[in-house]
C-alpha atoms as a PDB file:
ATOM      1  CA  MET A   1     161.813 108.371  82.365  1.00  0.00           C
ATOM      2  CA  ASN A   2     160.518 110.689  80.231  1.00  0.00           C
ATOM      3  CA  ARG A   3     156.815 109.400  78.895  1.00  0.00           C
ATOM      4  CA  PRO A   4     155.951 109.055  75.154  1.00  0.00           C
ATOM      5  CA  THR A   5     154.646 112.273  73.747  1.00  0.00           C
ATOM      6  CA  GLY A   6     151.736 110.143  71.983  1.00  0.00           C
ATOM      7  CA  MET A   7     150.764 108.418  75.784  1.00  0.00           C
ATOM      8  CA  GLY A   8     150.857 111.754  77.189  1.00  0.00           C
ATOM      9  CA  ARG A   9     148.211 112.369  74.912  1.00  0.00           C
ATOM     10  CA  LYS A  10     146.107 110.069  74.727  1.00  0.00           C
ATOM     11  CA  SER A  11     146.219 110.212  78.909  1.00  0.00           C
ATOM     12  CA  ALA A  12     144.935 113.168  78.883  1.00  0.00           C
ATOM     13  CA  ARG A  13     142.032 112.851  76.136  1.00  0.00           C
ATOM     14  CA  VAL A  14     140.528 110.083  78.143  1.00  0.00           C
ATOM     15  CA  GLN A  15     140.886 111.510  81.375  1.00  0.00           C
ATOM     16  CA  LYS A  16     138.223 114.315  80.815  1.00  0.00           C
ATOM     17  CA  PRO A  17     135.023 113.996  82.705  1.00  0.00           C
ATOM     18  CA  LEU A  18     131.797 112.394  81.115  1.00  0.00           C
ATOM     19  CA  HIS A  19     128.976 113.581  81.688  1.00  0.00           C
ATOM     20  CA  LEU A  20     125.562 111.317  80.398  1.00  0.00           C
ATOM     21  CA  ILE A  21     121.915 111.501  80.615  1.00  0.00           C
ATOM     22  CA  LEU A  22     119.295 108.472  79.314  1.00  0.00           C
ATOM     23  CA  PRO A  23     115.922 108.142  79.201  1.00  0.00           C
ATOM     24  CA  ALA A  24     113.819 105.330  80.581  1.00  0.00           C
ATOM     25  CA  THR A  25     112.389 103.397  78.544  1.00  0.00           C
ATOM     26  CA  SER A  26     108.762 101.103  77.884  1.00  0.00           C
ATOM     27  CA  ALA A  27     108.986  97.682  76.010  1.00  0.00           C
ATOM     28  CA  ASN A  28     106.860  95.750  74.143  1.00  0.00           C
ATOM     29  CA  LEU A  29     104.265  98.570  74.046  1.00  0.00           C
ATOM     30  CA  GLY A  30     100.747  95.795  74.241  1.00  0.00           C
ATOM     31  CA  PRO A  31     101.159  93.397  71.361  1.00  0.00           C
ATOM     32  CA  ALA A  32     105.183  94.175  70.257  1.00  0.00           C
ATOM     33  CA  PHE A  33     106.313  91.883  73.043  1.00  0.00           C
ATOM     34  CA  ASP A  34     110.120  91.827  72.927  1.00  0.00           C
ATOM     35  CA  ALA A  35     110.185  93.109  69.573  1.00  0.00           C
ATOM     36  CA  ALA A  36     109.490  97.395  70.039  1.00  0.00           C
ATOM     37  CA  ALA A  37     110.186 100.128  72.708  1.00  0.00           C
ATOM     38  CA  LEU A  38     110.140 103.751  73.371  1.00  0.00           C
ATOM     39  CA  ALA A  39     111.650 106.412  75.470  1.00  0.00           C
ATOM     40  CA  PHE A  40     110.276 108.544  77.346  1.00  0.00           C
ATOM     41  CA  GLU A  41     111.565 111.548  78.911  1.00  0.00           C
ATOM     42  CA  ILE A  42     112.669 110.501  82.819  1.00  0.00           C
ATOM     43  CA  TYR A  43     115.986 110.270  83.326  1.00  0.00           C
ATOM     44  CA  LEU A  44     119.409 109.142  84.423  1.00  0.00           C
ATOM     45  CA  LYS A  45     122.121 111.738  84.557  1.00  0.00           C
ATOM     46  CA  LEU A  46     125.331 111.188  85.676  1.00  0.00           C
ATOM     47  CA  HIS A  47     128.999 112.850  86.064  1.00  0.00           C
ATOM     48  CA  ALA A  48     132.224 110.998  86.208  1.00  0.00           C
ATOM     49  CA  ARG A  49     135.714 111.802  86.327  1.00  0.00           C
ATOM     50  CA  PRO A  50     138.495 109.766  87.496  1.00  0.00           C
ATOM     51  CA  ALA A  51     139.295 109.235  91.237  1.00  0.00           C
ATOM     52  CA  ALA A  52     141.370 107.953  93.653  1.00  0.00           C
ATOM     53  CA  GLU A  53     139.252 104.979  94.693  1.00  0.00           C
ATOM     54  CA  TYR A  54     135.427 104.147  94.187  1.00  0.00           C
ATOM     55  CA  SER A  55     132.939 106.505  94.670  1.00  0.00           C
ATOM     56  CA  ILE A  56     128.978 107.870  94.604  1.00  0.00           C
ATOM     57  CA  GLN A  57     126.942 110.452  95.441  1.00  0.00           C
ATOM     58  CA  ALA A  58     123.268 109.547  94.762  1.00  0.00           C
ATOM     59  CA  LEU A  59     120.477 112.136  94.215  1.00  0.00           C
ATOM     60  CA  GLY A  60     116.884 111.210  92.935  1.00  0.00           C
ATOM     61  CA  ARG A  61     114.875 108.696  93.121  1.00  0.00           C
ATOM     62  CA  ASP A  62     116.010 105.155  95.020  1.00  0.00           C
ATOM     63  CA  ALA A  63     118.763 107.460  95.950  1.00  0.00           C
ATOM     64  CA  ASP A  64     120.182 104.667  98.749  1.00  0.00           C
ATOM     65  CA  ILE A  65     120.073 101.842  95.874  1.00  0.00           C
ATOM     66  CA  CYS A  66     122.119 103.955  92.855  1.00  0.00           C
ATOM     67  CA  GLY A  67     124.244 104.876  96.002  1.00  0.00           C
ATOM     68  CA  LYS A  68     125.457 101.658  97.323  1.00  0.00           C
ATOM     69  CA  VAL A  69     129.453 100.769  94.933  1.00  0.00           C
ATOM     70  CA  GLU A  70     129.232  97.368  96.151  1.00  0.00           C
ATOM     71  CA  SER A  71     127.240  95.286  93.270  1.00  0.00           C
ATOM     72  CA  HIS A  72     126.182  98.586  92.008  1.00  0.00           C
ATOM     73  CA  LEU A  73     125.002  97.594  87.483  1.00  0.00           C
ATOM     74  CA  ILE A  74     126.849 100.966  86.982  1.00  0.00           C
ATOM     75  CA  LEU A  75     130.317  99.918  87.845  1.00  0.00           C
ATOM     76  CA  ASN A  76     129.965  96.082  87.981  1.00  0.00           C
ATOM     77  CA  THR A  77     129.290  96.810  83.435  1.00  0.00           C
ATOM     78  CA  TYR A  78     131.973  99.241  83.286  1.00  0.00           C
ATOM     79  CA  ARG A  79     134.651  96.800  85.101  1.00  0.00           C
ATOM     80  CA  GLU A  80     132.959  93.878  82.891  1.00  0.00           C
ATOM     81  CA  VAL A  81     133.824  95.240  79.797  1.00  0.00           C
ATOM     82  CA  LEU A  82     136.791  96.619  80.187  1.00  0.00           C
ATOM     83  CA  ASN A  83     138.602  93.609  81.598  1.00  0.00           C
ATOM     84  CA  ALA A  84     136.692  91.587  78.156  1.00  0.00           C
ATOM     85  CA  ALA A  85     138.718  94.293  76.254  1.00  0.00           C
ATOM     86  CA  GLY A  86     142.038  93.335  78.128  1.00  0.00           C
ATOM     87  CA  LYS A  87     142.533  97.101  79.691  1.00  0.00           C
ATOM     88  CA  GLY A  88     142.509  98.001  83.457  1.00  0.00           C
ATOM     89  CA  ALA A  89     139.246  99.955  84.923  1.00  0.00           C
ATOM     90  CA  ARG A  90     140.064 103.305  86.531  1.00  0.00           C
ATOM     91  CA  PRO A  91     138.314 103.847  89.441  1.00  0.00           C
ATOM     92  CA  LEU A  92     135.402 106.806  88.891  1.00  0.00           C
ATOM     93  CA  ALA A  93     133.980 109.395  91.396  1.00  0.00           C
ATOM     94  CA  LEU A  94     130.144 109.447  90.193  1.00  0.00           C
ATOM     95  CA  LYS A  95     127.708 112.325  90.463  1.00  0.00           C
ATOM     96  CA  MET A  96     124.931 110.987  89.664  1.00  0.00           C
ATOM     97  CA  VAL A  97     120.542 111.805  89.904  1.00  0.00           C
ATOM     98  CA  ASN A  98     118.413 109.175  89.109  1.00  0.00           C
ATOM     99  CA  ASP A  99     114.497 109.674  88.455  1.00  0.00           C
ATOM    100  CA  ILE A 100     113.820 106.151  86.584  1.00  0.00           C
ATOM    101  CA  PRO A 101     111.856 103.557  88.524  1.00  0.00           C
ATOM    102  CA  ILE A 102     114.117 100.778  89.488  1.00  0.00           C
ATOM    103  CA  GLY A 103     112.637  97.304  88.815  1.00  0.00           C
ATOM    104  CA  LYS A 104     109.303  98.343  87.817  1.00  0.00           C
ATOM    105  CA  GLY A 105     109.249  97.997  84.271  1.00  0.00           C
ATOM    106  CA  CYS A 106     111.222 101.511  83.659  1.00  0.00           C
ATOM    107  CA  GLY A 107     114.160 100.400  81.532  1.00  0.00           C
ATOM    108  CA  SER A 108     116.618 100.848  84.814  1.00  0.00           C
ATOM    109  CA  SER A 109     118.540  98.160  83.982  1.00  0.00           C
ATOM    110  CA  ALA A 110     119.376  99.289  80.265  1.00  0.00           C
ATOM    111  CA  ALA A 111     120.047 102.833  81.382  1.00  0.00           C
ATOM    112  CA  ALA A 112     121.949 101.315  83.981  1.00  0.00           C
ATOM    113  CA  ARG A 113     124.171  98.493  81.384  1.00  0.00           C
ATOM    114  CA  LEU A 114     124.486 101.584  78.847  1.00  0.00           C
ATOM    115  CA  ALA A 115     126.077 103.812  81.806  1.00  0.00           C
ATOM    116  CA  GLY A 116     128.469 101.362  82.116  1.00  0.00           C
ATOM    117  CA  ILE A 117     129.014 100.831  78.878  1.00  0.00           C
ATOM    118  CA  ALA A 118     129.591 104.285  77.715  1.00  0.00           C
ATOM    119  CA  LEU A 119     131.974 104.791  81.077  1.00  0.00           C
ATOM    120  CA  ALA A 120     133.956 101.539  79.764  1.00  0.00           C
ATOM    121  CA  VAL A 121     134.037 102.995  76.050  1.00  0.00           C
ATOM    122  CA  HIS A 122     135.071 106.616  77.287  1.00  0.00           C
ATOM    123  CA  PHE A 123     138.127 105.806  79.813  1.00  0.00           C
ATOM    124  CA  GLY A 124     138.674 103.281  78.036  1.00  0.00           C
ATOM    125  CA  ASP A 125     139.811 105.018  74.905  1.00  0.00           C
ATOM    126  CA  LEU A 126     137.451 101.674  72.798  1.00  0.00           C
ATOM    127  CA  HIS A 127     136.892 103.245  69.915  1.00  0.00           C
ATOM    128  CA  TRP A 128     132.840 101.768  69.903  1.00  0.00           C
ATOM    129  CA  ASN A 129     129.926 103.045  67.509  1.00  0.00           C
ATOM    130  CA  ASP A 130     126.542 102.808  68.357  1.00  0.00           C
ATOM    131  CA  ASN A 131     126.022  99.888  67.009  1.00  0.00           C
ATOM    132  CA  ARG A 132     128.442  97.879  69.374  1.00  0.00           C
ATOM    133  CA  ILE A 133     127.295  99.802  72.085  1.00  0.00           C
ATOM    134  CA  VAL A 134     123.636  98.505  72.019  1.00  0.00           C
ATOM    135  CA  GLY A 135     124.189  95.403  70.886  1.00  0.00           C
ATOM    136  CA  GLU A 136     126.310  95.361  74.293  1.00  0.00           C
ATOM    137  CA  ALA A 137     123.596  96.019  76.349  1.00  0.00           C
ATOM    138  CA  SER A 138     121.326  93.987  74.005  1.00  0.00           C
ATOM    139  CA  ARG A 139     123.929  90.706  74.947  1.00  0.00           C
ATOM    140  CA  ARG A 140     123.693  91.918  78.507  1.00  0.00           C
ATOM    141  CA  GLU A 141     119.886  92.130  78.525  1.00  0.00           C
ATOM    142  CA  HIS A 142     118.694  89.585  76.390  1.00  0.00           C
ATOM    143  CA  HIS A 143     116.883  91.563  74.404  1.00  0.00           C
ATOM    144  CA  PRO A 144     117.458  94.413  72.097  1.00  0.00           C
ATOM    145  CA  ASP A 145     114.713  96.226  72.897  1.00  0.00           C
ATOM    146  CA  ASN A 146     115.103  98.938  75.266  1.00  0.00           C
ATOM    147  CA  ALA A 147     118.292  99.305  75.268  1.00  0.00           C
ATOM    148  CA  SER A 148     117.839 100.556  71.200  1.00  0.00           C
ATOM    149  CA  ALA A 149     115.296 102.778  72.129  1.00  0.00           C
ATOM    150  CA  CYS A 150     117.483 104.556  75.090  1.00  0.00           C
ATOM    151  CA  TRP A 151     120.473 104.990  73.317  1.00  0.00           C
ATOM    152  CA  MET A 152     118.205 106.159  69.913  1.00  0.00           C
ATOM    153  CA  GLY A 153     115.237 107.856  71.681  1.00  0.00           C
ATOM    154  CA  GLY A 154     111.998 107.759  70.217  1.00  0.00           C
ATOM    155  CA  LEU A 155     110.817 104.801  69.079  1.00  0.00           C
ATOM    156  CA  THR A 156     112.702 101.381  68.111  1.00  0.00           C
ATOM    157  CA  VAL A 157     111.843  98.216  66.499  1.00  0.00           C
ATOM    158  CA  ALA A 158     114.856  95.392  67.474  1.00  0.00           C
ATOM    159  CA  ARG A 159     116.027  92.385  67.575  1.00  0.00           C
ATOM    160  CA  MET A 160     119.097  89.874  67.520  1.00  0.00           C
ATOM    161  CA  SER A 161     120.645  88.425  64.891  1.00  0.00           C
ATOM    162  CA  GLY A 162     121.362  84.570  64.920  1.00  0.00           C
ATOM    163  CA  GLU A 163     125.094  85.970  65.177  1.00  0.00           C
ATOM    164  CA  GLY A 164     124.483  87.780  68.518  1.00  0.00           C
ATOM    165  CA  GLU A 165     123.833  91.284  67.024  1.00  0.00           C
ATOM    166  CA  ALA A 166     121.147  93.596  67.784  1.00  0.00           C
ATOM    167  CA  GLN A 167     119.431  95.537  64.439  1.00  0.00           C
ATOM    168  CA  ILE A 168     117.082  98.165  64.623  1.00  0.00           C
ATOM    169  CA  ALA A 169     115.614 100.435  63.369  1.00  0.00           C
ATOM    170  CA  ARG A 170     114.412 103.527  65.016  1.00  0.00           C
ATOM    171  CA  ILE A 171     111.559 105.254  64.025  1.00  0.00           C
ATOM    172  CA  LYS A 172     109.905 109.429  65.513  1.00  0.00           C
ATOM    173  CA  PRO A 173     107.054 109.138  65.946  1.00  0.00           C
ATOM    174  CA  LYS A 174     104.427 111.584  63.696  1.00  0.00           C
ATOM    175  CA  GLY A 175     102.786 114.193  65.847  1.00  0.00           C
ATOM    176  CA  LYS A 176     102.396 114.583  69.155  1.00  0.00           C
ATOM    177  CA  TRP A 177     102.097 111.471  72.441  1.00  0.00           C
ATOM    178  CA  PRO A 178     101.395 112.498  75.618  1.00  0.00           C
ATOM    179  CA  LEU A 179     101.893 110.068  77.863  1.00  0.00           C
ATOM    180  CA  LEU A 180     101.162 108.894  81.491  1.00  0.00           C
ATOM    181  CA  VAL A 181     103.497 106.436  83.685  1.00  0.00           C
ATOM    182  CA  ALA A 182     101.605 105.049  86.898  1.00  0.00           C
ATOM    183  CA  VAL A 183     104.143 103.295  89.176  1.00  0.00           C
ATOM    184  CA  PRO A 184     102.505 101.602  91.259  1.00  0.00           C
ATOM    185  CA  PRO A 185     104.732 101.344  95.296  1.00  0.00           C
ATOM    186  CA  GLU A 186     106.072  97.262  94.341  1.00  0.00           C
ATOM    187  CA  SER A 187     108.405  96.203  92.036  1.00  0.00           C
ATOM    188  CA  LEU A 188     108.484  93.746  90.094  1.00  0.00           C
ATOM    189  CA  ALA A 189     111.407  91.222  89.022  1.00  0.00           C
ATOM    190  CA  THR A 190     111.636  90.212  85.366  1.00  0.00           C
ATOM    191  CA  GLU A 191     112.404  86.395  86.437  1.00  0.00           C
ATOM    192  CA  GLU A 192     109.059  86.869  88.011  1.00  0.00           C
ATOM    193  CA  ALA A 193     106.683  88.094  85.587  1.00  0.00           C
ATOM    194  CA  ARG A 194     108.011  85.576  82.290  1.00  0.00           C
ATOM    195  CA  ARG A 195     107.538  82.437  84.904  1.00  0.00           C
ATOM    196  CA  VAL A 196     103.888  83.131  84.125  1.00  0.00           C
ATOM    197  CA  LEU A 197     104.316  82.903  80.688  1.00  0.00           C
ATOM    198  CA  PRO A 198     103.220  79.454  78.576  1.00  0.00           C
ATOM    199  CA  SER A 199     105.525  77.505  76.403  1.00  0.00           C
ATOM    200  CA  GLN A 200     102.846  78.450  73.620  1.00  0.00           C
ATOM    201  CA  TYR A 201     100.315  80.267  72.101  1.00  0.00           C
ATOM    202  CA  SER A 202      97.142  79.264  69.532  1.00  0.00           C
ATOM    203  CA  ARG A 203      98.399  80.527  66.026  1.00  0.00           C
ATOM    204  CA  ALA A 204      94.866  82.590  65.965  1.00  0.00           C
ATOM    205  CA  ASP A 205      96.475  84.581  69.541  1.00  0.00           C
ATOM    206  CA  VAL A 206      99.862  85.018  67.252  1.00  0.00           C
ATOM    207  CA  VAL A 207      98.509  86.121  63.364  1.00  0.00           C
ATOM    208  CA  THR A 208      96.285  88.761  65.719  1.00  0.00           C
ATOM    209  CA  ASN A 209      99.401  90.065  67.827  1.00  0.00           C
ATOM    210  CA  ILE A 210     101.636  90.052  64.309  1.00  0.00           C
ATOM    211  CA  GLN A 211      98.152  92.503  62.916  1.00  0.00           C
ATOM    212  CA  ASN A 212      98.144  94.763  65.813  1.00  0.00           C
ATOM    213  CA  SER A 213     101.914  95.219  66.246  1.00  0.00           C
ATOM    214  CA  MET A 214     101.615  96.121  62.601  1.00  0.00           C
ATOM    215  CA  LEU A 215      98.512  98.369  63.403  1.00  0.00           C
ATOM    216  CA  LEU A 216     100.311  99.645  66.226  1.00  0.00           C
ATOM    217  CA  LEU A 217     103.574 100.695  64.233  1.00  0.00           C
ATOM    218  CA  ALA A 218     101.424 102.166  61.902  1.00  0.00           C
ATOM    219  CA  ALA A 219      99.473 104.206  64.082  1.00  0.00           C
ATOM    220  CA  PHE A 220     103.108 105.878  64.816  1.00  0.00           C
ATOM    221  CA  VAL A 221     104.995 105.727  61.450  1.00  0.00           C
ATOM    222  CA  GLN A 222     101.257 107.861  60.174  1.00  0.00           C
ATOM    223  CA  GLY A 223     100.661 109.965  63.454  1.00  0.00           C
ATOM    224  CA  ARG A 224      96.856 108.269  63.814  1.00  0.00           C
ATOM    225  CA  HIS A 225      95.812 108.269  67.133  1.00  0.00           C
ATOM    226  CA  ALA A 226      92.975 106.839  66.564  1.00  0.00           C
ATOM    227  CA  LEU A 227      94.491 103.371  65.593  1.00  0.00           C
ATOM    228  CA  LEU A 228      95.873 102.715  68.701  1.00  0.00           C
ATOM    229  CA  ALA A 229      92.869 101.525  71.187  1.00  0.00           C
ATOM    230  CA  SER A 230      92.637  98.316  68.842  1.00  0.00           C
ATOM    231  CA  ALA A 231      96.384  98.159  68.595  1.00  0.00           C
ATOM    232  CA  LEU A 232      97.326  98.183  72.141  1.00  0.00           C
ATOM    233  CA  GLU A 233      95.419  94.710  71.673  1.00  0.00           C
ATOM    234  CA  ASP A 234      97.961  91.375  73.116  1.00  0.00           C
ATOM    235  CA  ARG A 235      97.511  88.034  73.451  1.00  0.00           C
ATOM    236  CA  ILE A 236     100.943  86.821  74.042  1.00  0.00           C
ATOM    237  CA  HIS A 237     102.208  88.713  77.617  1.00  0.00           C
ATOM    238  CA  GLN A 238      99.744  90.852  79.403  1.00  0.00           C
ATOM    239  CA  PRO A 239      97.364  88.567  80.169  1.00  0.00           C
ATOM    240  CA  TYR A 240      98.968  86.119  81.510  1.00  0.00           C
ATOM    241  CA  ARG A 241     100.790  89.346  84.051  1.00  0.00           C
ATOM    242  CA  ALA A 242      97.607  90.713  84.717  1.00  0.00           C
ATOM    243  CA  ALA A 243      97.312  89.022  88.409  1.00  0.00           C
ATOM    244  CA  LEU A 244     101.105  90.334  89.030  1.00  0.00           C
ATOM    245  CA  CYS A 245     100.490  93.833  88.064  1.00  0.00           C
ATOM    246  CA  PRO A 246      96.483  95.132  88.797  1.00  0.00           C
ATOM    247  CA  LEU A 247      96.952  98.923  87.656  1.00  0.00           C
ATOM    248  CA  LEU A 248      96.791  96.844  84.205  1.00  0.00           C
ATOM    249  CA  PRO A 249      93.320  95.534  84.491  1.00  0.00           C
ATOM    250  CA  ALA A 250      92.239  98.454  86.152  1.00  0.00           C
ATOM    251  CA  LEU A 251      93.300 100.552  83.771  1.00  0.00           C
ATOM    252  CA  GLN A 252      92.679  99.384  80.889  1.00  0.00           C
ATOM    253  CA  LYS A 253      89.041  99.745  81.354  1.00  0.00           C
ATOM    254  CA  LEU A 254      89.378 103.983  81.375  1.00  0.00           C
ATOM    255  CA  SER A 255      90.789 102.883  76.831  1.00  0.00           C
ATOM    256  CA  GLY A 256      88.759 104.941  74.740  1.00  0.00           C
ATOM    257  CA  THR A 257      87.340 106.920  77.567  1.00  0.00           C
ATOM    258  CA  ALA A 258      88.910 110.048  79.631  1.00  0.00           C
ATOM    259  CA  GLY A 259      91.279 111.433  77.218  1.00  0.00           C
ATOM    260  CA  ILE A 260      92.840 107.873  76.897  1.00  0.00           C
ATOM    261  CA  LEU A 261      94.154 106.137  73.883  1.00  0.00           C
ATOM    262  CA  GLY A 262      94.812 103.214  75.386  1.00  0.00           C
ATOM    263  CA  SER A 263      97.170 101.378  78.415  1.00  0.00           C
ATOM    264  CA  VAL A 264      99.856  98.615  78.219  1.00  0.00           C
ATOM    265  CA  LEU A 265     102.141  97.093  80.661  1.00  0.00           C
ATOM    266  CA  SER A 266     105.568  99.123  80.849  1.00  0.00           C
ATOM    267  CA  GLY A 267     107.992  96.400  79.932  1.00  0.00           C
ATOM    268  CA  ALA A 268     107.469  93.366  81.875  1.00  0.00           C
ATOM    269  CA  GLY A 269     105.846  95.470  84.331  1.00  0.00           C
ATOM    270  CA  PRO A 270     104.160  96.763  87.104  1.00  0.00           C
ATOM    271  CA  SER A 271     104.270 100.183  86.007  1.00  0.00           C
ATOM    272  CA  VAL A 272     101.341 100.762  83.043  1.00  0.00           C
ATOM    273  CA  LEU A 273     101.677 103.285  80.542  1.00  0.00           C
ATOM    274  CA  ILE A 274      98.847 105.718  79.350  1.00  0.00           C
ATOM    275  CA  PHE A 275      98.382 106.504  75.667  1.00  0.00           C
ATOM    276  CA  LEU A 276      96.602 110.044  76.123  1.00  0.00           C
ATOM    277  CA  ASP A 277      94.910 112.190  73.684  1.00  0.00           C
ATOM    278  CA  PRO A 278      96.655 114.895  72.600  1.00  0.00           C
ATOM    279  CA  LYS A 279      93.379 116.747  72.423  1.00  0.00           C
ATOM    280  CA  ALA A 280      92.739 116.431  75.961  1.00  0.00           C
ATOM    281  CA  ARG A 281      94.169 118.296  78.409  1.00  0.00           C
ATOM    282  CA  ALA A 282      96.674 116.604  80.938  1.00  0.00           C
ATOM    283  CA  SER A 283      95.816 117.523  83.642  1.00  0.00           C
ATOM    284  CA  LYS A 284      92.665 116.654  83.881  1.00  0.00           C
ATOM    285  CA  VAL A 285      92.665 113.199  82.490  1.00  0.00           C
ATOM    286  CA  LYS A 286      95.333 112.689  85.488  1.00  0.00           C
ATOM    287  CA  SER A 287      92.767 113.872  88.163  1.00  0.00           C
ATOM    288  CA  GLN A 288      90.235 111.611  86.618  1.00  0.00           C
ATOM    289  CA  VAL A 289      92.668 108.308  86.412  1.00  0.00           C
ATOM    290  CA  GLU A 290      93.639 109.651  90.255  1.00  0.00           C
ATOM    291  CA  THR A 291      89.825 109.117  90.728  1.00  0.00           C
ATOM    292  CA  HIS A 292      89.303 105.645  89.335  1.00  0.00           C
ATOM    293  CA  LEU A 293      92.254 104.010  90.597  1.00  0.00           C
ATOM    294  CA  ARG A 294      91.167 105.204  93.966  1.00  0.00           C
ATOM    295  CA  ALA A 295      87.748 103.815  94.030  1.00  0.00           C
ATOM    296  CA  SER A 296      89.436 100.320  92.484  1.00  0.00           C
ATOM    297  CA  GLY A 297      91.166 100.512  95.523  1.00  0.00           C
ATOM    298  CA  LEU A 298      94.940 100.819  93.862  1.00  0.00           C
ATOM    299  CA  THR A 299      97.557 103.449  94.537  1.00  0.00           C
ATOM    300  CA  ALA A 300      99.927 104.475  92.134  1.00  0.00           C
ATOM    301  CA  GLU A 301     102.360 107.396  91.592  1.00  0.00           C
ATOM    302  CA  LEU A 302     100.796 109.470  88.005  1.00  0.00           C
ATOM    303  CA  ILE A 303     103.872 110.915  86.275  1.00  0.00           C
ATOM    304  CA  SER A 304     103.289 113.480  83.095  1.00  0.00           C
ATOM    305  CA  THR A 305     105.784 112.620  80.073  1.00  0.00           C
ATOM    306  CA  GLY A 306     106.458 112.428  76.335  1.00  0.00           C
ATOM    307  CA  ILE A 307     107.977 110.199  74.469  1.00  0.00           C
ATOM    308  CA  ASP A 308     112.447 111.563  73.916  1.00  0.00           C
ATOM    309  CA  PRO A 309     113.052 111.796  70.748  1.00  0.00           C
ATOM    310  CA  THR A 310     117.343 111.932  70.659  1.00  0.00           C
ATOM    311  CA  GLY A 311     117.887 109.273  73.568  1.00  0.00           C
ATOM    312  CA  ARG A 312     121.554 109.381  74.857  1.00  0.00           C
ATOM    313  CA  VAL A 313     123.437 112.668  75.791  1.00  0.00           C
ATOM    314  CA  LEU A 314     127.178 112.355  76.039  1.00  0.00           C
ATOM    315  CA  LYS A 315     129.169 115.500  77.081  1.00  0.00           C
ATOM    316  CA  LYS A 316     133.312 115.241  77.873  1.00  0.00           C
ATOM    317  CA  ASN A 317     134.384 117.813  79.717  1.00  0.00           C
END
């Protein structure tokens, strides 16, 4: 039986492999709880092609977790999106190099969900635009901050509308914003970090966080590094999570000293995102932070990085 010409062209198009790069992200940024996030230069790199059966070749950080085909977040998301669209999911062979810490507040789940959605869009020929891709990931994450920053890069401010759609504003921070990420050995489940938060807050705490969030946004838009130290103060989530994330109170003591503008929990923790003075020598600051943590009896991997300006990179080849 001859295959219709149009079907042959469509099949050939969607059979092309997909190469995808997604950055790590840090949400909350102190006072901007569940509202803002930024992408930074630590990446998940993925190459996918159709295959006779599912397989994963994983390299990099947490390769033992990334390499398990069963209950894999990327593949599960890929299949669920295609099933919801009424399309069959063809098996894929994945090659991935992951440098994003898993379960440590660096947006690993948002990156994985976006990867699965991107695979479904490509191999299922769904023709989704960026808003729909980010919206789908946001619904699965239950908040849009990490997903929007991961896909779009830079700094994003995001919310879910009453209709369940993600509304996003992307900002390119002005000037240089060198970062240091302190990653502890242990992980922390987001659900556990959520449980310690109160159900109600005082008016004073809410007003302070609104003011600081606005100052934080102004600091990035105008490149005013001096605003950051005070703008990072938070009363909504960090005081309650500090007991679960001992790196935070230890590193906050260095704010305003040793070339450090300020420190915040990365997402729900336990990792900490440290903003460095661009005039300081990053290697020297990193050495000072290492010394301080040792003196405090704490251990962390320190990763020098910066804000990723572009977000996802997709290549069909």
